[in-house]
Amino acid sequence: MPGEKSEHNDTQPLRSIAIRIRQRRENRFAGGGKVKRFAVVTNIREWKATRLIERRRERAGTVEAVHDVLNNELAAGVMPSKYFGTNAAWLRLAVLAHNGLTALKRLALPAGLLTARPKR
C-alpha cells in the first residue's frame, strides 16, 4: 500500500494518482453508475500526472496478453517439479522462448504475422 512504511529506510512512499471519469450525458456506465474511479500507484515522481496516465493507457492489456501466451502456449503455467529452482529455470526458459519468438516475428516475418501466436 502506498502509505505503508517500507522495509528499506532509503525509499520514499509511492505516489498515488486518483482518476474520476464522469458521464456527461444521461447514459450511464455499464454498472449503472455515473462515475468511474481509477487509481495509479507508481514510484515515478518526476513525471506529470497526465504523462503517467498516458503511459498506463499505452501499456494496458499488454502484460495480460504476455501472461496468457506464457501460460497457455509456452507451458509456463504448469510447473514440472516440486523444486523451486527447477520451476524458476522452467519459467525463465519460457520467458526466453517468448522473447525469441517476439524478436523473430518483428525482424523476420511479414507485418501481417505480427499478431501470430505460437501453438503447443
N, C-alpha and C. Protein backbone atom coordinates (compact mmCIF):
# COMPACT_ATOMS: atom_id res chain seq x y z
N MET A 1 0.84 -1.18 0.00
CA MET A 1 0.00 0.00 0.00
C MET A 1 0.89 1.24 0.00
N PRO A 2 0.46 2.31 -0.64
CA PRO A 2 1.30 3.50 -0.74
C PRO A 2 1.68 4.11 0.59
N GLY A 3 0.83 4.06 1.60
CA GLY A 3 1.12 4.71 2.86
C GLY A 3 1.91 3.87 3.84
N GLU A 4 2.09 2.59 3.55
CA GLU A 4 2.80 1.72 4.47
C GLU A 4 4.28 2.03 4.49
N LYS A 5 4.89 1.81 5.65
CA LYS A 5 6.31 2.06 5.78
C LYS A 5 7.07 0.94 5.06
N SER A 6 8.06 1.31 4.29
CA SER A 6 8.86 0.35 3.55
C SER A 6 9.87 -0.32 4.46
N GLU A 7 10.28 -1.52 4.10
CA GLU A 7 11.32 -2.19 4.89
C GLU A 7 12.70 -1.60 4.63
N HIS A 8 12.84 -0.80 3.56
CA HIS A 8 14.09 -0.13 3.27
C HIS A 8 14.01 1.31 3.78
N ASN A 9 15.01 1.75 4.47
CA ASN A 9 14.99 3.09 5.06
C ASN A 9 15.15 4.20 4.04
N ASP A 10 15.80 3.92 2.91
CA ASP A 10 16.10 4.98 1.95
C ASP A 10 15.03 5.17 0.88
N THR A 11 13.94 4.40 0.89
CA THR A 11 12.91 4.53 -0.13
C THR A 11 11.81 5.47 0.34
N GLN A 12 11.19 6.13 -0.61
CA GLN A 12 10.10 7.05 -0.33
C GLN A 12 8.77 6.34 -0.55
N PRO A 13 7.69 6.85 0.05
CA PRO A 13 6.38 6.24 -0.21
C PRO A 13 6.00 6.39 -1.68
N LEU A 14 5.14 5.49 -2.15
CA LEU A 14 4.71 5.53 -3.54
C LEU A 14 3.79 6.71 -3.79
N ARG A 15 3.72 7.11 -5.04
CA ARG A 15 2.86 8.21 -5.46
C ARG A 15 1.54 7.65 -5.93
N SER A 16 0.43 8.23 -5.48
CA SER A 16 -0.91 7.79 -5.88
C SER A 16 -1.58 8.88 -6.68
N ILE A 17 -2.22 8.50 -7.78
CA ILE A 17 -2.97 9.43 -8.61
C ILE A 17 -4.37 8.86 -8.76
N ALA A 18 -5.37 9.64 -8.37
CA ALA A 18 -6.76 9.21 -8.49
C ALA A 18 -7.37 9.81 -9.75
N ILE A 19 -8.16 9.01 -10.45
CA ILE A 19 -8.81 9.44 -11.69
C ILE A 19 -10.31 9.24 -11.52
N ARG A 20 -11.07 10.29 -11.81
CA ARG A 20 -12.53 10.19 -11.76
C ARG A 20 -13.08 10.58 -13.12
N ILE A 21 -13.87 9.71 -13.72
CA ILE A 21 -14.46 9.96 -15.03
C ILE A 21 -15.97 10.06 -14.85
N ARG A 22 -16.52 11.20 -15.25
CA ARG A 22 -17.97 11.41 -15.16
C ARG A 22 -18.58 11.30 -16.54
N GLN A 23 -19.74 10.72 -16.60
CA GLN A 23 -20.52 10.65 -17.84
C GLN A 23 -21.28 11.96 -17.97
N ARG A 24 -21.13 12.67 -19.08
CA ARG A 24 -21.78 13.98 -19.25
C ARG A 24 -23.24 13.83 -19.67
N ARG A 25 -23.54 12.79 -20.43
CA ARG A 25 -24.91 12.59 -20.90
C ARG A 25 -25.71 11.84 -19.86
N GLU A 26 -26.94 11.60 -20.20
CA GLU A 26 -27.80 10.83 -19.31
C GLU A 26 -27.44 9.36 -19.28
N ASN A 27 -26.67 8.91 -20.29
CA ASN A 27 -26.27 7.50 -20.32
C ASN A 27 -25.42 7.20 -19.10
N ARG A 28 -25.52 5.98 -18.65
CA ARG A 28 -24.71 5.57 -17.51
C ARG A 28 -23.72 4.52 -17.97
N PHE A 29 -22.71 4.29 -17.14
CA PHE A 29 -21.74 3.26 -17.44
C PHE A 29 -22.39 1.90 -17.31
N ALA A 30 -21.68 0.87 -17.71
CA ALA A 30 -22.23 -0.49 -17.73
C ALA A 30 -22.77 -0.92 -16.37
N GLY A 31 -22.12 -0.52 -15.29
CA GLY A 31 -22.57 -0.91 -13.96
C GLY A 31 -23.75 -0.10 -13.45
N GLY A 32 -24.17 0.91 -14.20
CA GLY A 32 -25.29 1.72 -13.79
C GLY A 32 -24.91 3.03 -13.11
N GLY A 33 -23.63 3.24 -12.84
CA GLY A 33 -23.21 4.46 -12.16
C GLY A 33 -22.90 5.59 -13.12
N LYS A 34 -22.84 6.79 -12.58
CA LYS A 34 -22.50 7.97 -13.37
C LYS A 34 -21.01 8.26 -13.34
N VAL A 35 -20.28 7.67 -12.38
CA VAL A 35 -18.87 7.98 -12.19
C VAL A 35 -18.07 6.68 -12.14
N LYS A 36 -16.90 6.69 -12.79
CA LYS A 36 -15.94 5.60 -12.68
C LYS A 36 -14.70 6.16 -12.00
N ARG A 37 -14.10 5.34 -11.13
CA ARG A 37 -12.90 5.78 -10.42
C ARG A 37 -11.78 4.79 -10.66
N PHE A 38 -10.58 5.32 -10.87
CA PHE A 38 -9.38 4.52 -11.07
C PHE A 38 -8.27 5.10 -10.22
N ALA A 39 -7.23 4.30 -10.01
CA ALA A 39 -6.07 4.78 -9.29
C ALA A 39 -4.81 4.27 -9.97
N VAL A 40 -3.79 5.09 -9.98
CA VAL A 40 -2.47 4.73 -10.48
C VAL A 40 -1.50 4.90 -9.33
N VAL A 41 -0.78 3.83 -9.00
CA VAL A 41 0.22 3.88 -7.94
C VAL A 41 1.58 3.64 -8.59
N THR A 42 2.53 4.53 -8.35
CA THR A 42 3.81 4.45 -9.02
C THR A 42 4.92 4.98 -8.13
N ASN A 43 6.14 4.68 -8.52
CA ASN A 43 7.30 5.25 -7.83
C ASN A 43 7.98 6.31 -8.70
N ILE A 44 7.39 6.67 -9.82
CA ILE A 44 7.94 7.70 -10.71
C ILE A 44 7.41 9.05 -10.22
N ARG A 45 8.28 9.86 -9.68
CA ARG A 45 7.87 11.15 -9.12
C ARG A 45 8.13 12.32 -10.07
N GLU A 46 9.01 12.13 -11.04
CA GLU A 46 9.43 13.23 -11.90
C GLU A 46 8.40 13.58 -12.96
N TRP A 47 7.56 12.63 -13.37
CA TRP A 47 6.62 12.86 -14.46
C TRP A 47 5.37 13.57 -13.97
N LYS A 48 4.73 14.29 -14.89
CA LYS A 48 3.44 14.89 -14.58
C LYS A 48 2.38 13.79 -14.54
N ALA A 49 1.28 14.08 -13.88
CA ALA A 49 0.20 13.08 -13.74
C ALA A 49 -0.35 12.68 -15.10
N THR A 50 -0.47 13.63 -16.04
CA THR A 50 -1.02 13.29 -17.36
C THR A 50 -0.11 12.31 -18.10
N ARG A 51 1.20 12.47 -17.97
CA ARG A 51 2.14 11.54 -18.64
C ARG A 51 2.04 10.15 -18.03
N LEU A 52 1.90 10.06 -16.72
CA LEU A 52 1.76 8.75 -16.07
C LEU A 52 0.49 8.04 -16.52
N ILE A 53 -0.60 8.80 -16.64
CA ILE A 53 -1.86 8.20 -17.08
C ILE A 53 -1.75 7.75 -18.52
N GLU A 54 -1.11 8.55 -19.39
CA GLU A 54 -0.89 8.15 -20.78
C GLU A 54 -0.07 6.87 -20.86
N ARG A 55 0.97 6.79 -20.07
CA ARG A 55 1.82 5.58 -20.06
C ARG A 55 1.02 4.37 -19.62
N ARG A 56 0.19 4.53 -18.61
CA ARG A 56 -0.65 3.43 -18.14
C ARG A 56 -1.59 2.96 -19.24
N ARG A 57 -2.18 3.89 -19.95
CA ARG A 57 -3.12 3.52 -21.02
C ARG A 57 -2.41 2.90 -22.21
N GLU A 58 -1.17 3.31 -22.49
CA GLU A 58 -0.40 2.69 -23.57
C GLU A 58 -0.11 1.23 -23.27
N ARG A 59 0.14 0.93 -22.00
CA ARG A 59 0.54 -0.42 -21.61
C ARG A 59 -0.63 -1.30 -21.21
N ALA A 60 -1.84 -0.76 -21.20
CA ALA A 60 -3.00 -1.51 -20.73
C ALA A 60 -3.21 -2.78 -21.56
N GLY A 61 -3.27 -3.90 -20.89
CA GLY A 61 -3.54 -5.16 -21.55
C GLY A 61 -2.33 -5.90 -22.06
N THR A 62 -1.17 -5.26 -22.14
CA THR A 62 -0.01 -5.95 -22.71
C THR A 62 0.52 -7.03 -21.78
N VAL A 63 0.51 -6.76 -20.50
CA VAL A 63 1.03 -7.75 -19.55
C VAL A 63 0.12 -8.96 -19.51
N GLU A 64 -1.18 -8.75 -19.55
CA GLU A 64 -2.12 -9.86 -19.53
C GLU A 64 -1.97 -10.72 -20.78
N ALA A 65 -1.73 -10.10 -21.93
CA ALA A 65 -1.56 -10.87 -23.17
C ALA A 65 -0.28 -11.71 -23.11
N VAL A 66 0.79 -11.15 -22.60
CA VAL A 66 2.05 -11.90 -22.46
C VAL A 66 1.86 -13.05 -21.47
N HIS A 67 1.17 -12.78 -20.38
CA HIS A 67 0.91 -13.81 -19.37
C HIS A 67 0.10 -14.96 -19.98
N ASP A 68 -0.88 -14.62 -20.80
CA ASP A 68 -1.70 -15.64 -21.46
C ASP A 68 -0.86 -16.50 -22.40
N VAL A 69 0.00 -15.88 -23.20
CA VAL A 69 0.86 -16.64 -24.11
C VAL A 69 1.82 -17.52 -23.33
N LEU A 70 2.42 -16.98 -22.29
CA LEU A 70 3.35 -17.79 -21.50
C LEU A 70 2.66 -18.99 -20.88
N ASN A 71 1.49 -18.78 -20.30
CA ASN A 71 0.81 -19.88 -19.62
C ASN A 71 0.21 -20.90 -20.58
N ASN A 72 -0.43 -20.44 -21.64
CA ASN A 72 -1.19 -21.35 -22.50
C ASN A 72 -0.42 -21.89 -23.69
N GLU A 73 0.49 -21.13 -24.25
CA GLU A 73 1.21 -21.61 -25.43
C GLU A 73 2.63 -22.08 -25.12
N LEU A 74 3.25 -21.53 -24.07
CA LEU A 74 4.63 -21.87 -23.78
C LEU A 74 4.79 -22.66 -22.49
N ALA A 75 3.70 -23.15 -21.93
CA ALA A 75 3.68 -24.07 -20.79
C ALA A 75 4.33 -23.52 -19.53
N ALA A 76 4.28 -22.21 -19.34
CA ALA A 76 4.83 -21.65 -18.10
C ALA A 76 3.86 -21.80 -16.94
N GLY A 77 2.61 -22.12 -17.23
CA GLY A 77 1.62 -22.27 -16.18
C GLY A 77 1.64 -23.62 -15.50
N VAL A 78 2.36 -24.57 -16.06
CA VAL A 78 2.44 -25.92 -15.50
C VAL A 78 3.89 -26.17 -15.09
N MET A 79 4.12 -26.16 -13.82
CA MET A 79 5.48 -26.34 -13.33
C MET A 79 5.86 -27.82 -13.34
N PRO A 80 7.07 -28.15 -13.77
CA PRO A 80 7.45 -29.55 -13.97
C PRO A 80 7.93 -30.27 -12.71
N SER A 81 8.17 -29.54 -11.63
CA SER A 81 8.83 -30.16 -10.49
C SER A 81 8.30 -29.59 -9.19
N LYS A 82 8.65 -30.26 -8.09
CA LYS A 82 8.29 -29.72 -6.78
C LYS A 82 9.39 -28.81 -6.23
N TYR A 83 10.49 -28.68 -6.96
CA TYR A 83 11.62 -27.88 -6.51
C TYR A 83 11.56 -26.48 -7.08
N PHE A 84 11.77 -25.50 -6.22
CA PHE A 84 11.68 -24.10 -6.62
C PHE A 84 12.67 -23.75 -7.72
N GLY A 85 13.92 -24.16 -7.58
CA GLY A 85 14.95 -23.82 -8.57
C GLY A 85 14.64 -24.36 -9.94
N THR A 86 14.13 -25.59 -10.00
CA THR A 86 13.76 -26.19 -11.28
C THR A 86 12.62 -25.42 -11.92
N ASN A 87 11.63 -25.07 -11.13
CA ASN A 87 10.49 -24.31 -11.65
C ASN A 87 10.90 -22.91 -12.09
N ALA A 88 11.84 -22.30 -11.36
CA ALA A 88 12.33 -20.98 -11.76
C ALA A 88 13.05 -21.05 -13.10
N ALA A 89 13.85 -22.10 -13.29
CA ALA A 89 14.54 -22.27 -14.57
C ALA A 89 13.53 -22.51 -15.69
N TRP A 90 12.47 -23.28 -15.42
CA TRP A 90 11.42 -23.55 -16.41
C TRP A 90 10.74 -22.25 -16.83
N LEU A 91 10.41 -21.41 -15.86
CA LEU A 91 9.77 -20.13 -16.17
C LEU A 91 10.70 -19.23 -16.96
N ARG A 92 11.97 -19.20 -16.60
CA ARG A 92 12.94 -18.37 -17.34
C ARG A 92 13.09 -18.85 -18.78
N LEU A 93 13.10 -20.16 -18.98
CA LEU A 93 13.18 -20.69 -20.35
C LEU A 93 11.95 -20.30 -21.16
N ALA A 94 10.77 -20.33 -20.52
CA ALA A 94 9.55 -19.93 -21.22
C ALA A 94 9.61 -18.45 -21.60
N VAL A 95 10.11 -17.60 -20.71
CA VAL A 95 10.23 -16.17 -21.00
C VAL A 95 11.25 -15.93 -22.11
N LEU A 96 12.36 -16.65 -22.08
CA LEU A 96 13.35 -16.54 -23.16
C LEU A 96 12.76 -16.98 -24.50
N ALA A 97 11.97 -18.05 -24.47
CA ALA A 97 11.32 -18.51 -25.71
C ALA A 97 10.35 -17.45 -26.22
N HIS A 98 9.60 -16.83 -25.32
CA HIS A 98 8.67 -15.78 -25.72
C HIS A 98 9.41 -14.60 -26.32
N ASN A 99 10.50 -14.17 -25.68
CA ASN A 99 11.28 -13.04 -26.20
C ASN A 99 11.89 -13.38 -27.56
N GLY A 100 12.38 -14.60 -27.72
CA GLY A 100 12.93 -15.02 -29.01
C GLY A 100 11.89 -15.04 -30.10
N LEU A 101 10.69 -15.56 -29.79
CA LEU A 101 9.61 -15.58 -30.78
C LEU A 101 9.16 -14.17 -31.14
N THR A 102 9.10 -13.28 -30.15
CA THR A 102 8.71 -11.89 -30.42
C THR A 102 9.74 -11.21 -31.32
N ALA A 103 11.02 -11.42 -31.04
CA ALA A 103 12.07 -10.84 -31.89
C ALA A 103 12.01 -11.41 -33.30
N LEU A 104 11.77 -12.70 -33.41
CA LEU A 104 11.66 -13.34 -34.73
C LEU A 104 10.50 -12.77 -35.51
N LYS A 105 9.36 -12.58 -34.86
CA LYS A 105 8.19 -12.03 -35.55
C LYS A 105 8.47 -10.61 -36.04
N ARG A 106 9.14 -9.81 -35.23
CA ARG A 106 9.38 -8.42 -35.60
C ARG A 106 10.46 -8.26 -36.66
N LEU A 107 11.45 -9.15 -36.64
CA LEU A 107 12.59 -8.99 -37.54
C LEU A 107 12.48 -9.79 -38.83
N ALA A 108 11.88 -10.98 -38.79
CA ALA A 108 11.97 -11.87 -39.93
C ALA A 108 10.64 -12.13 -40.64
N LEU A 109 9.53 -11.90 -39.98
CA LEU A 109 8.24 -12.23 -40.59
C LEU A 109 7.58 -11.00 -41.18
N PRO A 110 6.67 -11.20 -42.14
CA PRO A 110 5.95 -10.06 -42.70
C PRO A 110 5.06 -9.40 -41.64
N ALA A 111 4.68 -8.16 -41.89
CA ALA A 111 3.90 -7.38 -40.92
C ALA A 111 2.57 -8.03 -40.58
N GLY A 112 2.00 -8.77 -41.50
CA GLY A 112 0.72 -9.43 -41.26
C GLY A 112 0.78 -10.53 -40.20
N LEU A 113 1.96 -11.01 -39.91
CA LEU A 113 2.11 -12.08 -38.93
C LEU A 113 2.58 -11.60 -37.56
N LEU A 114 2.56 -10.30 -37.33
CA LEU A 114 2.98 -9.78 -36.03
C LEU A 114 2.07 -10.22 -34.89
N THR A 115 0.82 -10.50 -35.21
CA THR A 115 -0.12 -10.93 -34.17
C THR A 115 -0.21 -12.46 -34.07
N ALA A 116 0.59 -13.18 -34.83
CA ALA A 116 0.56 -14.64 -34.79
C ALA A 116 1.00 -15.12 -33.41
N ARG A 117 0.40 -16.23 -32.98
CA ARG A 117 0.74 -16.79 -31.67
C ARG A 117 1.28 -18.20 -31.85
N PRO A 118 2.15 -18.62 -30.95
CA PRO A 118 2.70 -19.97 -31.06
C PRO A 118 1.65 -21.02 -30.72
N LYS A 119 1.84 -22.21 -31.27
CA LYS A 119 0.98 -23.35 -30.92
C LYS A 119 1.75 -24.29 -30.05
N ARG A 120 1.03 -25.07 -29.30
CA ARG A 120 1.71 -26.01 -28.40
C ARG A 120 2.45 -27.06 -29.19
